[in-house]
Amino acid sequence: MANSAKPFKLQPLLFSTCCGSYLNDNIPAPDAQALMRSRYSAFVLERADYLLATWHASTRPSALDFAPGAKWLGLEVRSHTVLDAGHAEVEFVARCRDAGRATRLHERSRFVRESGRWFYVDGDLF
């Protein structure tokens, strides 16, 4: 008898289910992966306020600029590694189209948890 099971495919989450409460209601992301997903959404929405608020003070820039006309196409989280209760890493690939050219941002990001909130610290590009 042939196996008729279809391959499992992740369905996209609604913004309100995935990241909306973090961006709009000041609810802290429960882990580094949720913060990474919400920060991607903030890039899509050009929410510099949220990006700066979730960037660790030791590495936070004073301001952010967004590429005019850039269209974010998707985020793939490749791994989420909890190092200890206050440190984690998330490897991701974000796809973008800028001036008609497709680009990819592949990064292993480092996060730290302070006072019950996760913050993006920095990352290594691939």
PDB file of N, CA and C in Angstrom:
ATOM      1  N   MET A   1       0.842  -1.174   0.000  1.00  0.00           N
ATOM      2  CA  MET A   1       0.000   0.000   0.000  1.00  0.00           C
ATOM      3  C   MET A   1       0.890   1.241   0.000  1.00  0.00           C
ATOM      4  N   ALA A   2       0.627   2.151  -0.889  1.00  0.00           N
ATOM      5  CA  ALA A   2       1.446   3.360  -1.035  1.00  0.00           C
ATOM      6  C   ALA A   2       1.128   4.352   0.070  1.00  0.00           C
ATOM      7  N   ASN A   3       2.144   5.076   0.474  1.00  0.00           N
ATOM      8  CA  ASN A   3       1.967   6.119   1.478  1.00  0.00           C
ATOM      9  C   ASN A   3       1.379   7.344   0.795  1.00  0.00           C
ATOM     10  N   SER A   4       0.185   7.738   1.213  1.00  0.00           N
ATOM     11  CA  SER A   4      -0.478   8.874   0.575  1.00  0.00           C
ATOM     12  C   SER A   4      -0.373  10.152   1.393  1.00  0.00           C
ATOM     13  N   ALA A   5       0.416  10.116   2.453  1.00  0.00           N
ATOM     14  CA  ALA A   5       0.548  11.310   3.286  1.00  0.00           C
ATOM     15  C   ALA A   5       1.256  12.411   2.510  1.00  0.00           C
ATOM     16  N   LYS A   6       0.734  13.608   2.646  1.00  0.00           N
ATOM     17  CA  LYS A   6       1.351  14.757   1.991  1.00  0.00           C
ATOM     18  C   LYS A   6       2.451  15.308   2.882  1.00  0.00           C
ATOM     19  N   PRO A   7       3.498  15.882   2.292  1.00  0.00           N
ATOM     20  CA  PRO A   7       4.563  16.464   3.113  1.00  0.00           C
ATOM     21  C   PRO A   7       4.014  17.611   3.955  1.00  0.00           C
ATOM     22  N   PHE A   8       4.556  17.724   5.161  1.00  0.00           N
ATOM     23  CA  PHE A   8       4.158  18.792   6.068  1.00  0.00           C
ATOM     24  C   PHE A   8       4.730  20.112   5.582  1.00  0.00           C
ATOM     25  N   LYS A   9       3.913  21.134   5.552  1.00  0.00           N
ATOM     26  CA  LYS A   9       4.357  22.454   5.136  1.00  0.00           C
ATOM     27  C   LYS A   9       3.863  23.474   6.147  1.00  0.00           C
ATOM     28  N   LEU A  10       4.769  24.318   6.630  1.00  0.00           N
ATOM     29  CA  LEU A  10       4.374  25.365   7.568  1.00  0.00           C
ATOM     30  C   LEU A  10       3.512  26.396   6.859  1.00  0.00           C
ATOM     31  N   GLN A  11       2.439  26.759   7.480  1.00  0.00           N
ATOM     32  CA  GLN A  11       1.567  27.784   6.934  1.00  0.00           C
ATOM     33  C   GLN A  11       1.981  29.136   7.506  1.00  0.00           C
ATOM     34  N   PRO A  12       1.903  30.200   6.726  1.00  0.00           N
ATOM     35  CA  PRO A  12       2.228  31.520   7.250  1.00  0.00           C
ATOM     36  C   PRO A  12       1.278  31.875   8.390  1.00  0.00           C
ATOM     37  N   LEU A  13       1.805  32.553   9.380  1.00  0.00           N
ATOM     38  CA  LEU A  13       0.983  33.006  10.501  1.00  0.00           C
ATOM     39  C   LEU A  13       0.425  34.387  10.204  1.00  0.00           C
ATOM     40  N   LEU A  14      -0.737  34.647  10.731  1.00  0.00           N
ATOM     41  CA  LEU A  14      -1.292  35.987  10.634  1.00  0.00           C
ATOM     42  C   LEU A  14      -0.444  36.928  11.473  1.00  0.00           C
ATOM     43  N   PHE A  15      -0.302  38.151  11.023  1.00  0.00           N
ATOM     44  CA  PHE A  15       0.492  39.140  11.751  1.00  0.00           C
ATOM     45  C   PHE A  15      -0.006  39.280  13.182  1.00  0.00           C
ATOM     46  N   SER A  16      -1.327  39.311  13.383  1.00  0.00           N
ATOM     47  CA  SER A  16      -1.893  39.478  14.723  1.00  0.00           C
ATOM     48  C   SER A  16      -1.558  38.291  15.624  1.00  0.00           C
ATOM     49  N   THR A  17      -1.426  37.100  15.043  1.00  0.00           N
ATOM     50  CA  THR A  17      -1.109  35.896  15.803  1.00  0.00           C
ATOM     51  C   THR A  17       0.384  35.800  16.088  1.00  0.00           C
ATOM     52  N   CYS A  18       1.189  36.213  15.142  1.00  0.00           N
ATOM     53  CA  CYS A  18       2.632  36.034  15.241  1.00  0.00           C
ATOM     54  C   CYS A  18       3.320  37.187  15.974  1.00  0.00           C
ATOM     55  N   CYS A  19       3.181  38.376  15.473  1.00  0.00           N
ATOM     56  CA  CYS A  19       4.034  39.479  15.930  1.00  0.00           C
ATOM     57  C   CYS A  19       3.298  40.757  16.311  1.00  0.00           C
ATOM     58  N   GLY A  20       2.054  40.869  15.956  1.00  0.00           N
ATOM     59  CA  GLY A  20       1.318  42.106  16.169  1.00  0.00           C
ATOM     60  C   GLY A  20       1.297  42.575  17.602  1.00  0.00           C
ATOM     61  N   SER A  21       1.106  41.647  18.547  1.00  0.00           N
ATOM     62  CA  SER A  21       1.038  42.068  19.952  1.00  0.00           C
ATOM     63  C   SER A  21       2.377  42.569  20.458  1.00  0.00           C
ATOM     64  N   TYR A  22       3.476  42.070  19.898  1.00  0.00           N
ATOM     65  CA  TYR A  22       4.796  42.552  20.317  1.00  0.00           C
ATOM     66  C   TYR A  22       5.035  43.966  19.790  1.00  0.00           C
ATOM     67  N   LEU A  23       4.691  44.204  18.533  1.00  0.00           N
ATOM     68  CA  LEU A  23       4.926  45.513  17.925  1.00  0.00           C
ATOM     69  C   LEU A  23       3.933  46.570  18.394  1.00  0.00           C
ATOM     70  N   ASN A  24       2.685  46.182  18.577  1.00  0.00           N
ATOM     71  CA  ASN A  24       1.644  47.180  18.834  1.00  0.00           C
ATOM     72  C   ASN A  24       1.230  47.311  20.292  1.00  0.00           C
ATOM     73  N   ASP A  25       1.441  46.273  21.093  1.00  0.00           N
ATOM     74  CA  ASP A  25       0.942  46.297  22.474  1.00  0.00           C
ATOM     75  C   ASP A  25       2.047  46.267  23.518  1.00  0.00           C
ATOM     76  N   ASN A  26       3.296  46.389  23.080  1.00  0.00           N
ATOM     77  CA  ASN A  26       4.447  46.408  23.990  1.00  0.00           C
ATOM     78  C   ASN A  26       4.541  45.154  24.856  1.00  0.00           C
ATOM     79  N   ILE A  27       4.064  44.027  24.327  1.00  0.00           N
ATOM     80  CA  ILE A  27       4.201  42.751  25.027  1.00  0.00           C
ATOM     81  C   ILE A  27       5.563  42.186  24.657  1.00  0.00           C
ATOM     82  N   PRO A  28       6.384  41.808  25.662  1.00  0.00           N
ATOM     83  CA  PRO A  28       7.716  41.293  25.330  1.00  0.00           C
ATOM     84  C   PRO A  28       7.643  39.936  24.627  1.00  0.00           C
ATOM     85  N   ALA A  29       8.489  39.749  23.641  1.00  0.00           N
ATOM     86  CA  ALA A  29       8.586  38.460  22.954  1.00  0.00           C
ATOM     87  C   ALA A  29       9.053  37.409  23.957  1.00  0.00           C
ATOM     88  N   PRO A  30       8.459  36.211  23.938  1.00  0.00           N
ATOM     89  CA  PRO A  30       8.793  35.194  24.936  1.00  0.00           C
ATOM     90  C   PRO A  30      10.156  34.544  24.748  1.00  0.00           C
ATOM     91  N   ASP A  31      10.720  34.631  23.553  1.00  0.00           N
ATOM     92  CA  ASP A  31      12.030  34.031  23.305  1.00  0.00           C
ATOM     93  C   ASP A  31      12.705  34.765  22.144  1.00  0.00           C
ATOM     94  N   ALA A  32      13.958  34.409  21.904  1.00  0.00           N
ATOM     95  CA  ALA A  32      14.739  35.091  20.865  1.00  0.00           C
ATOM     96  C   ALA A  32      14.162  34.869  19.476  1.00  0.00           C
ATOM     97  N   GLN A  33      13.626  33.675  19.211  1.00  0.00           N
ATOM     98  CA  GLN A  33      13.060  33.418  17.891  1.00  0.00           C
ATOM     99  C   GLN A  33      11.831  34.299  17.643  1.00  0.00           C
ATOM    100  N   ALA A  34      10.972  34.444  18.632  1.00  0.00           N
ATOM    101  CA  ALA A  34       9.795  35.315  18.485  1.00  0.00           C
ATOM    102  C   ALA A  34      10.242  36.763  18.284  1.00  0.00           C
ATOM    103  N   LEU A  35      11.295  37.178  18.993  1.00  0.00           N
ATOM    104  CA  LEU A  35      11.799  38.535  18.803  1.00  0.00           C
ATOM    105  C   LEU A  35      12.353  38.700  17.394  1.00  0.00           C
ATOM    106  N   MET A  36      13.071  37.676  16.883  1.00  0.00           N
ATOM    107  CA  MET A  36      13.610  37.754  15.516  1.00  0.00           C
ATOM    108  C   MET A  36      12.481  37.923  14.510  1.00  0.00           C
ATOM    109  N   ARG A  37      11.417  37.143  14.654  1.00  0.00           N
ATOM    110  CA  ARG A  37      10.290  37.235  13.731  1.00  0.00           C
ATOM    111  C   ARG A  37       9.621  38.609  13.823  1.00  0.00           C
ATOM    112  N   SER A  38       9.488  39.125  15.040  1.00  0.00           N
ATOM    113  CA  SER A  38       8.852  40.438  15.194  1.00  0.00           C
ATOM    114  C   SER A  38       9.743  41.545  14.634  1.00  0.00           C
ATOM    115  N   ARG A  39      11.048  41.400  14.750  1.00  0.00           N
ATOM    116  CA  ARG A  39      11.957  42.401  14.183  1.00  0.00           C
ATOM    117  C   ARG A  39      11.912  42.368  12.654  1.00  0.00           C
ATOM    118  N   TYR A  40      11.780  41.186  12.064  1.00  0.00           N
ATOM    119  CA  TYR A  40      11.601  41.101  10.613  1.00  0.00           C
ATOM    120  C   TYR A  40      10.327  41.867  10.218  1.00  0.00           C
ATOM    121  N   SER A  41       9.239  41.625  10.939  1.00  0.00           N
ATOM    122  CA  SER A  41       7.981  42.337  10.659  1.00  0.00           C
ATOM    123  C   SER A  41       8.177  43.844  10.793  1.00  0.00           C
ATOM    124  N   ALA A  42       8.955  44.260  11.777  1.00  0.00           N
ATOM    125  CA  ALA A  42       9.219  45.690  11.966  1.00  0.00           C
ATOM    126  C   ALA A  42      10.005  46.260  10.786  1.00  0.00           C
ATOM    127  N   PHE A  43      10.932  45.491  10.217  1.00  0.00           N
ATOM    128  CA  PHE A  43      11.632  45.946   9.007  1.00  0.00           C
ATOM    129  C   PHE A  43      10.653  46.093   7.854  1.00  0.00           C
ATOM    130  N   VAL A  44       9.767  45.112   7.691  1.00  0.00           N
ATOM    131  CA  VAL A  44       8.777  45.171   6.620  1.00  0.00           C
ATOM    132  C   VAL A  44       7.914  46.418   6.763  1.00  0.00           C
ATOM    133  N   LEU A  45       7.502  46.721   7.996  1.00  0.00           N
ATOM    134  CA  LEU A  45       6.617  47.855   8.275  1.00  0.00           C
ATOM    135  C   LEU A  45       7.362  49.166   8.495  1.00  0.00           C
ATOM    136  N   GLU A  46       8.700  49.108   8.421  1.00  0.00           N
ATOM    137  CA  GLU A  46       9.557  50.281   8.661  1.00  0.00           C
ATOM    138  C   GLU A  46       9.266  50.916  10.018  1.00  0.00           C
ATOM    139  N   ARG A  47       9.232  50.071  11.041  1.00  0.00           N
ATOM    140  CA  ARG A  47       8.985  50.497  12.412  1.00  0.00           C
ATOM    141  C   ARG A  47      10.312  50.669  13.154  1.00  0.00           C
ATOM    142  N   ALA A  48      10.999  51.762  12.876  1.00  0.00           N
ATOM    143  CA  ALA A  48      12.289  52.034  13.509  1.00  0.00           C
ATOM    144  C   ALA A  48      12.154  52.094  15.022  1.00  0.00           C
ATOM    145  N   ASP A  49      11.036  52.600  15.520  1.00  0.00           N
ATOM    146  CA  ASP A  49      10.839  52.689  16.967  1.00  0.00           C
ATOM    147  C   ASP A  49      10.961  51.322  17.634  1.00  0.00           C
ATOM    148  N   TYR A  50      10.317  50.315  17.059  1.00  0.00           N
ATOM    149  CA  TYR A  50      10.364  48.967  17.618  1.00  0.00           C
ATOM    150  C   TYR A  50      11.756  48.363  17.471  1.00  0.00           C
ATOM    151  N   LEU A  51      12.359  48.538  16.308  1.00  0.00           N
ATOM    152  CA  LEU A  51      13.693  47.981  16.086  1.00  0.00           C
ATOM    153  C   LEU A  51      14.700  48.554  17.074  1.00  0.00           C
ATOM    154  N   LEU A  52      14.665  49.851  17.287  1.00  0.00           N
ATOM    155  CA  LEU A  52      15.593  50.472  18.228  1.00  0.00           C
ATOM    156  C   LEU A  52      15.300  50.054  19.662  1.00  0.00           C
ATOM    157  N   ALA A  53      14.026  49.908  20.020  1.00  0.00           N
ATOM    158  CA  ALA A  53      13.650  49.513  21.381  1.00  0.00           C
ATOM    159  C   ALA A  53      14.049  48.074  21.694  1.00  0.00           C
ATOM    160  N   THR A  54      14.172  47.230  20.663  1.00  0.00           N
ATOM    161  CA  THR A  54      14.525  45.824  20.892  1.00  0.00           C
ATOM    162  C   THR A  54      15.989  45.537  20.557  1.00  0.00           C
ATOM    163  N   TRP A  55      16.766  46.580  20.349  1.00  0.00           N
ATOM    164  CA  TRP A  55      18.202  46.477  20.063  1.00  0.00           C
ATOM    165  C   TRP A  55      18.943  46.753  21.353  1.00  0.00           C
ATOM    166  N   HIS A  56      19.864  45.898  21.743  1.00  0.00           N
ATOM    167  CA  HIS A  56      20.584  46.075  23.005  1.00  0.00           C
ATOM    168  C   HIS A  56      21.343  47.404  23.007  1.00  0.00           C
ATOM    169  N   ALA A  57      21.318  48.089  24.128  1.00  0.00           N
ATOM    170  CA  ALA A  57      21.931  49.420  24.243  1.00  0.00           C
ATOM    171  C   ALA A  57      23.415  49.417  23.893  1.00  0.00           C
ATOM    172  N   SER A  58      24.104  48.306  24.097  1.00  0.00           N
ATOM    173  CA  SER A  58      25.554  48.261  23.839  1.00  0.00           C
ATOM    174  C   SER A  58      25.893  48.306  22.354  1.00  0.00           C
ATOM    175  N   THR A  59      24.939  47.990  21.481  1.00  0.00           N
ATOM    176  CA  THR A  59      25.206  47.965  20.042  1.00  0.00           C
ATOM    177  C   THR A  59      24.174  48.739  19.225  1.00  0.00           C
ATOM    178  N   ARG A  60      23.218  49.360  19.887  1.00  0.00           N
ATOM    179  CA  ARG A  60      22.119  50.061  19.204  1.00  0.00           C
ATOM    180  C   ARG A  60      22.619  51.298  18.467  1.00  0.00           C
ATOM    181  N   PRO A  61      22.255  51.440  17.182  1.00  0.00           N
ATOM    182  CA  PRO A  61      22.597  52.675  16.455  1.00  0.00           C
ATOM    183  C   PRO A  61      21.698  53.814  16.934  1.00  0.00           C
ATOM    184  N   SER A  62      22.084  55.016  16.635  1.00  0.00           N
ATOM    185  CA  SER A  62      21.273  56.168  17.057  1.00  0.00           C
ATOM    186  C   SER A  62      20.037  56.346  16.185  1.00  0.00           C
ATOM    187  N   ALA A  63      20.088  55.854  14.958  1.00  0.00           N
ATOM    188  CA  ALA A  63      18.947  55.973  14.039  1.00  0.00           C
ATOM    189  C   ALA A  63      19.039  54.870  13.000  1.00  0.00           C
ATOM    190  N   LEU A  64      17.928  54.641  12.305  1.00  0.00           N
ATOM    191  CA  LEU A  64      17.882  53.643  11.237  1.00  0.00           C
ATOM    192  C   LEU A  64      17.365  54.284   9.964  1.00  0.00           C
ATOM    193  N   ASP A  65      17.899  53.851   8.853  1.00  0.00           N
ATOM    194  CA  ASP A  65      17.396  54.245   7.536  1.00  0.00           C
ATOM    195  C   ASP A  65      16.887  53.001   6.835  1.00  0.00           C
ATOM    196  N   PHE A  66      15.818  53.140   6.099  1.00  0.00           N
ATOM    197  CA  PHE A  66      15.263  52.037   5.322  1.00  0.00           C
ATOM    198  C   PHE A  66      15.508  52.306   3.848  1.00  0.00           C
ATOM    199  N   ALA A  67      15.791  51.249   3.101  1.00  0.00           N
ATOM    200  CA  ALA A  67      16.017  51.383   1.662  1.00  0.00           C
ATOM    201  C   ALA A  67      14.692  51.739   0.997  1.00  0.00           C
ATOM    202  N   PRO A  68      14.619  52.895   0.323  1.00  0.00           N
ATOM    203  CA  PRO A  68      13.365  53.265  -0.333  1.00  0.00           C
ATOM    204  C   PRO A  68      13.009  52.263  -1.424  1.00  0.00           C
ATOM    205  N   GLY A  69      11.770  51.810  -1.411  1.00  0.00           N
ATOM    206  CA  GLY A  69      11.304  50.883  -2.434  1.00  0.00           C
ATOM    207  C   GLY A  69      11.642  49.426  -2.191  1.00  0.00           C
ATOM    208  N   ALA A  70      12.349  49.119  -1.106  1.00  0.00           N
ATOM    209  CA  ALA A  70      12.673  47.722  -0.822  1.00  0.00           C
ATOM    210  C   ALA A  70      11.399  46.958  -0.478  1.00  0.00           C
ATOM    211  N   LYS A  71      11.297  45.743  -0.995  1.00  0.00           N
ATOM    212  CA  LYS A  71      10.139  44.899  -0.715  1.00  0.00           C
ATOM    213  C   LYS A  71      10.643  43.602  -0.089  1.00  0.00           C
ATOM    214  N   TRP A  72      10.270  43.388   1.161  1.00  0.00           N
ATOM    215  CA  TRP A  72      10.665  42.173   1.856  1.00  0.00           C
ATOM    216  C   TRP A  72       9.781  41.036   1.396  1.00  0.00           C
ATOM    217  N   LEU A  73      10.392  39.888   1.092  1.00  0.00           N
ATOM    218  CA  LEU A  73       9.689  38.774   0.463  1.00  0.00           C
ATOM    219  C   LEU A  73       9.479  37.571   1.369  1.00  0.00           C
ATOM    220  N   GLY A  74      10.221  37.478   2.450  1.00  0.00           N
ATOM    221  CA  GLY A  74      10.022  36.337   3.331  1.00  0.00           C
ATOM    222  C   GLY A  74      11.171  36.128   4.294  1.00  0.00           C
ATOM    223  N   LEU A  75      10.851  35.399   5.356  1.00  0.00           N
ATOM    224  CA  LEU A  75      11.822  35.070   6.396  1.00  0.00           C
ATOM    225  C   LEU A  75      11.813  33.564   6.607  1.00  0.00           C
ATOM    226  N   GLU A  76      13.009  32.986   6.639  1.00  0.00           N
ATOM    227  CA  GLU A  76      13.165  31.574   6.987  1.00  0.00           C
ATOM    228  C   GLU A  76      14.067  31.504   8.209  1.00  0.00           C
ATOM    229  N   VAL A  77      13.522  31.017   9.316  1.00  0.00           N
ATOM    230  CA  VAL A  77      14.336  30.798  10.507  1.00  0.00           C
ATOM    231  C   VAL A  77      14.925  29.409  10.385  1.00  0.00           C
ATOM    232  N   ARG A  78      16.239  29.335  10.332  1.00  0.00           N
ATOM    233  CA  ARG A  78      16.923  28.052  10.134  1.00  0.00           C
ATOM    234  C   ARG A  78      17.239  27.352  11.445  1.00  0.00           C
ATOM    235  N   SER A  79      17.507  28.123  12.487  1.00  0.00           N
ATOM    236  CA  SER A  79      17.756  27.503  13.793  1.00  0.00           C
ATOM    237  C   SER A  79      17.548  28.522  14.902  1.00  0.00           C
ATOM    238  N   HIS A  80      17.214  27.998  16.061  1.00  0.00           N
ATOM    239  CA  HIS A  80      17.057  28.789  17.283  1.00  0.00           C
ATOM    240  C   HIS A  80      17.753  28.000  18.372  1.00  0.00           C
ATOM    241  N   THR A  81      18.872  28.529  18.862  1.00  0.00           N
ATOM    242  CA  THR A  81      19.680  27.832  19.854  1.00  0.00           C
ATOM    243  C   THR A  81      19.672  28.611  21.157  1.00  0.00           C
ATOM    244  N   VAL A  82      19.165  27.980  22.209  1.00  0.00           N
ATOM    245  CA  VAL A  82      19.177  28.580  23.542  1.00  0.00           C
ATOM    246  C   VAL A  82      20.504  28.197  24.180  1.00  0.00           C
ATOM    247  N   LEU A  83      21.324  29.191  24.475  1.00  0.00           N
ATOM    248  CA  LEU A  83      22.640  28.932  25.056  1.00  0.00           C
ATOM    249  C   LEU A  83      22.557  28.797  26.570  1.00  0.00           C
ATOM    250  N   ASP A  84      21.738  29.624  27.193  1.00  0.00           N
ATOM    251  CA  ASP A  84      21.421  29.557  28.613  1.00  0.00           C
ATOM    252  C   ASP A  84      20.188  30.435  28.825  1.00  0.00           C
ATOM    253  N   ALA A  85      19.778  30.664  30.061  1.00  0.00           N
ATOM    254  CA  ALA A  85      18.533  31.394  30.324  1.00  0.00           C
ATOM    255  C   ALA A  85      18.555  32.825  29.806  1.00  0.00           C
ATOM    256  N   GLY A  86      19.736  33.379  29.573  1.00  0.00           N
ATOM    257  CA  GLY A  86      19.818  34.772  29.155  1.00  0.00           C
ATOM    258  C   GLY A  86      20.462  35.018  27.810  1.00  0.00           C
ATOM    259  N   HIS A  87      20.795  33.947  27.087  1.00  0.00           N
ATOM    260  CA  HIS A  87      21.477  34.095  25.800  1.00  0.00           C
ATOM    261  C   HIS A  87      20.941  33.087  24.791  1.00  0.00           C
ATOM    262  N   ALA A  88      20.784  33.543  23.553  1.00  0.00           N
ATOM    263  CA  ALA A  88      20.308  32.663  22.489  1.00  0.00           C
ATOM    264  C   ALA A  88      20.833  33.164  21.147  1.00  0.00           C
ATOM    265  N   GLU A  89      20.797  32.272  20.163  1.00  0.00           N
ATOM    266  CA  GLU A  89      21.173  32.618  18.792  1.00  0.00           C
ATOM    267  C   GLU A  89      20.071  32.164  17.849  1.00  0.00           C
ATOM    268  N   VAL A  90      19.852  32.949  16.807  1.00  0.00           N
ATOM    269  CA  VAL A  90      18.873  32.607  15.778  1.00  0.00           C
ATOM    270  C   VAL A  90      19.556  32.783  14.425  1.00  0.00           C
ATOM    271  N   GLU A  91      19.540  31.713  13.637  1.00  0.00           N
ATOM    272  CA  GLU A  91      20.049  31.816  12.274  1.00  0.00           C
ATOM    273  C   GLU A  91      18.849  31.948  11.348  1.00  0.00           C
ATOM    274  N   PHE A  92      18.929  32.919  10.441  1.00  0.00           N
ATOM    275  CA  PHE A  92      17.807  33.175   9.544  1.00  0.00           C
ATOM    276  C   PHE A  92      18.288  33.608   8.174  1.00  0.00           C
ATOM    277  N   VAL A  93      17.371  33.520   7.217  1.00  0.00           N
ATOM    278  CA  VAL A  93      17.565  34.077   5.881  1.00  0.00           C
ATOM    279  C   VAL A  93      16.342  34.937   5.591  1.00  0.00           C
ATOM    280  N   ALA A  94      16.578  36.206   5.301  1.00  0.00           N
ATOM    281  CA  ALA A  94      15.505  37.121   4.909  1.00  0.00           C
ATOM    282  C   ALA A  94      15.728  37.489   3.447  1.00  0.00           C
ATOM    283  N   ARG A  95      14.652  37.419   2.670  1.00  0.00           N
ATOM    284  CA  ARG A  95      14.745  37.733   1.248  1.00  0.00           C
ATOM    285  C   ARG A  95      14.105  39.083   0.977  1.00  0.00           C
ATOM    286  N   CYS A  96      14.731  39.826   0.048  1.00  0.00           N
ATOM    287  CA  CYS A  96      14.286  41.183  -0.250  1.00  0.00           C
ATOM    288  C   CYS A  96      14.485  41.466  -1.740  1.00  0.00           C
ATOM    289  N   ARG A  97      13.655  42.336  -2.266  1.00  0.00           N
ATOM    290  CA  ARG A  97      13.847  42.843  -3.628  1.00  0.00           C
ATOM    291  C   ARG A  97      14.046  44.350  -3.492  1.00  0.00           C
ATOM    292  N   ASP A  98      15.178  44.809  -3.985  1.00  0.00           N
ATOM    293  CA  ASP A  98      15.528  46.224  -3.891  1.00  0.00           C
ATOM    294  C   ASP A  98      15.946  46.698  -5.277  1.00  0.00           C
ATOM    295  N   ALA A  99      15.243  47.689  -5.800  1.00  0.00           N
ATOM    296  CA  ALA A  99      15.507  48.229  -7.140  1.00  0.00           C
ATOM    297  C   ALA A  99      15.500  47.119  -8.196  1.00  0.00           C
ATOM    298  N   GLY A 100      14.568  46.171  -8.051  1.00  0.00           N
ATOM    299  CA  GLY A 100      14.435  45.093  -9.008  1.00  0.00           C
ATOM    300  C   GLY A 100      15.419  43.950  -8.831  1.00  0.00           C
ATOM    301  N   ARG A 101      16.286  44.052  -7.860  1.00  0.00           N
ATOM    302  CA  ARG A 101      17.319  43.033  -7.644  1.00  0.00           C
ATOM    303  C   ARG A 101      17.003  42.227  -6.388  1.00  0.00           C
ATOM    304  N   ALA A 102      16.990  40.905  -6.508  1.00  0.00           N
ATOM    305  CA  ALA A 102      16.744  40.037  -5.365  1.00  0.00           C
ATOM    306  C   ALA A 102      18.014  39.924  -4.522  1.00  0.00           C
ATOM    307  N   THR A 103      17.839  40.042  -3.210  1.00  0.00           N
ATOM    308  CA  THR A 103      18.962  39.900  -2.287  1.00  0.00           C
ATOM    309  C   THR A 103      18.533  39.001  -1.133  1.00  0.00           C
ATOM    310  N   ARG A 104      19.544  38.474  -0.447  1.00  0.00           N
ATOM    311  CA  ARG A 104      19.312  37.639   0.729  1.00  0.00           C
ATOM    312  C   ARG A 104      20.190  38.134   1.855  1.00  0.00           C
ATOM    313  N   LEU A 105      19.634  38.171   3.033  1.00  0.00           N
ATOM    314  CA  LEU A 105      20.393  38.478   4.240  1.00  0.00           C
ATOM    315  C   LEU A 105      20.407  37.199   5.064  1.00  0.00           C
ATOM    316  N   HIS A 106      21.582  36.571   5.180  1.00  0.00           N
ATOM    317  CA  HIS A 106      21.744  35.338   5.937  1.00  0.00           C
ATOM    318  C   HIS A 106      22.614  35.676   7.134  1.00  0.00           C
ATOM    319  N   GLU A 107      22.055  35.519   8.323  1.00  0.00           N
ATOM    320  CA  GLU A 107      22.751  35.965   9.534  1.00  0.00           C
ATOM    321  C   GLU A 107      22.522  34.994  10.675  1.00  0.00           C
ATOM    322  N   ARG A 108      23.516  34.855  11.532  1.00  0.00           N
ATOM    323  CA  ARG A 108      23.358  34.214  12.839  1.00  0.00           C
ATOM    324  C   ARG A 108      23.379  35.355  13.846  1.00  0.00           C
ATOM    325  N   SER A 109      22.227  35.612  14.437  1.00  0.00           N
ATOM    326  CA  SER A 109      22.053  36.735  15.356  1.00  0.00           C
ATOM    327  C   SER A 109      22.202  36.282  16.803  1.00  0.00           C
ATOM    328  N   ARG A 110      22.752  37.177  17.618  1.00  0.00           N
ATOM    329  CA  ARG A 110      22.893  36.920  19.044  1.00  0.00           C
ATOM    330  C   ARG A 110      21.895  37.787  19.811  1.00  0.00           C
ATOM    331  N   PHE A 111      21.283  37.172  20.816  1.00  0.00           N
ATOM    332  CA  PHE A 111      20.275  37.842  21.634  1.00  0.00           C
ATOM    333  C   PHE A 111      20.617  37.661  23.104  1.00  0.00           C
ATOM    334  N   VAL A 112      20.225  38.647  23.904  1.00  0.00           N
ATOM    335  CA  VAL A 112      20.421  38.589  25.342  1.00  0.00           C
ATOM    336  C   VAL A 112      19.096  38.943  26.020  1.00  0.00           C
ATOM    337  N   ARG A 113      18.858  38.318  27.161  1.00  0.00           N
ATOM    338  CA  ARG A 113      17.640  38.594  27.926  1.00  0.00           C
ATOM    339  C   ARG A 113      18.032  39.375  29.179  1.00  0.00           C
ATOM    340  N   GLU A 114      17.397  40.536  29.348  1.00  0.00           N
ATOM    341  CA  GLU A 114      17.634  41.385  30.514  1.00  0.00           C
ATOM    342  C   GLU A 114      16.303  41.873  31.045  1.00  0.00           C
ATOM    343  N   SER A 115      16.121  41.779  32.340  1.00  0.00           N
ATOM    344  CA  SER A 115      14.894  42.244  32.996  1.00  0.00           C
ATOM    345  C   SER A 115      13.643  41.683  32.323  1.00  0.00           C
ATOM    346  N   GLY A 116      13.697  40.418  31.929  1.00  0.00           N
ATOM    347  CA  GLY A 116      12.544  39.744  31.340  1.00  0.00           C
ATOM    348  C   GLY A 116      12.282  40.037  29.876  1.00  0.00           C
ATOM    349  N   ARG A 117      13.153  40.806  29.218  1.00  0.00           N
ATOM    350  CA  ARG A 117      12.974  41.129  27.794  1.00  0.00           C
ATOM    351  C   ARG A 117      14.178  40.670  27.002  1.00  0.00           C
ATOM    352  N   TRP A 118      13.906  40.184  25.783  1.00  0.00           N
ATOM    353  CA  TRP A 118      14.967  39.799  24.859  1.00  0.00           C
ATOM    354  C   TRP A 118      15.365  40.995  24.009  1.00  0.00           C
ATOM    355  N   PHE A 119      16.671  41.097  23.709  1.00  0.00           N
ATOM    356  CA  PHE A 119      17.207  42.161  22.879  1.00  0.00           C
ATOM    357  C   PHE A 119      18.150  41.564  21.843  1.00  0.00           C
ATOM    358  N   TYR A 120      18.102  42.112  20.635  1.00  0.00           N
ATOM    359  CA  TYR A 120      19.072  41.787  19.590  1.00  0.00           C
ATOM    360  C   TYR A 120      20.385  42.478  19.952  1.00  0.00           C
ATOM    361  N   VAL A 121      21.488  41.728  19.889  1.00  0.00           N
ATOM    362  CA  VAL A 121      22.811  42.300  20.201  1.00  0.00           C
ATOM    363  C   VAL A 121      23.569  42.567  18.901  1.00  0.00           C
ATOM    364  N   ASP A 122      23.854  41.512  18.150  1.00  0.00           N
ATOM    365  CA  ASP A 122      24.596  41.641  16.898  1.00  0.00           C
ATOM    366  C   ASP A 122      24.499  40.316  16.148  1.00  0.00           C
ATOM    367  N   GLY A 123      25.200  40.219  15.030  1.00  0.00           N
ATOM    368  CA  GLY A 123      25.152  38.978  14.285  1.00  0.00           C
ATOM    369  C   GLY A 123      26.309  38.851  13.315  1.00  0.00           C
ATOM    370  N   ASP A 124      26.472  37.641  12.839  1.00  0.00           N
ATOM    371  CA  ASP A 124      27.491  37.331  11.838  1.00  0.00           C
ATOM    372  C   ASP A 124      26.792  37.014  10.533  1.00  0.00           C
ATOM    373  N   LEU A 125      27.215  37.699   9.462  1.00  0.00           N
ATOM    374  CA  LEU A 125      26.651  37.461   8.136  1.00  0.00           C
ATOM    375  C   LEU A 125      27.333  36.291   7.472  1.00  0.00           C
ATOM    376  N   PHE A 126      26.582  35.561   6.672  1.00  0.00           N
ATOM    377  CA  PHE A 126      27.118  34.434   5.893  1.00  0.00           C
ATOM    378  C   PHE A 126      27.254  34.883   4.455  1.00  0.00           C
TER     379      PHE A 126
END
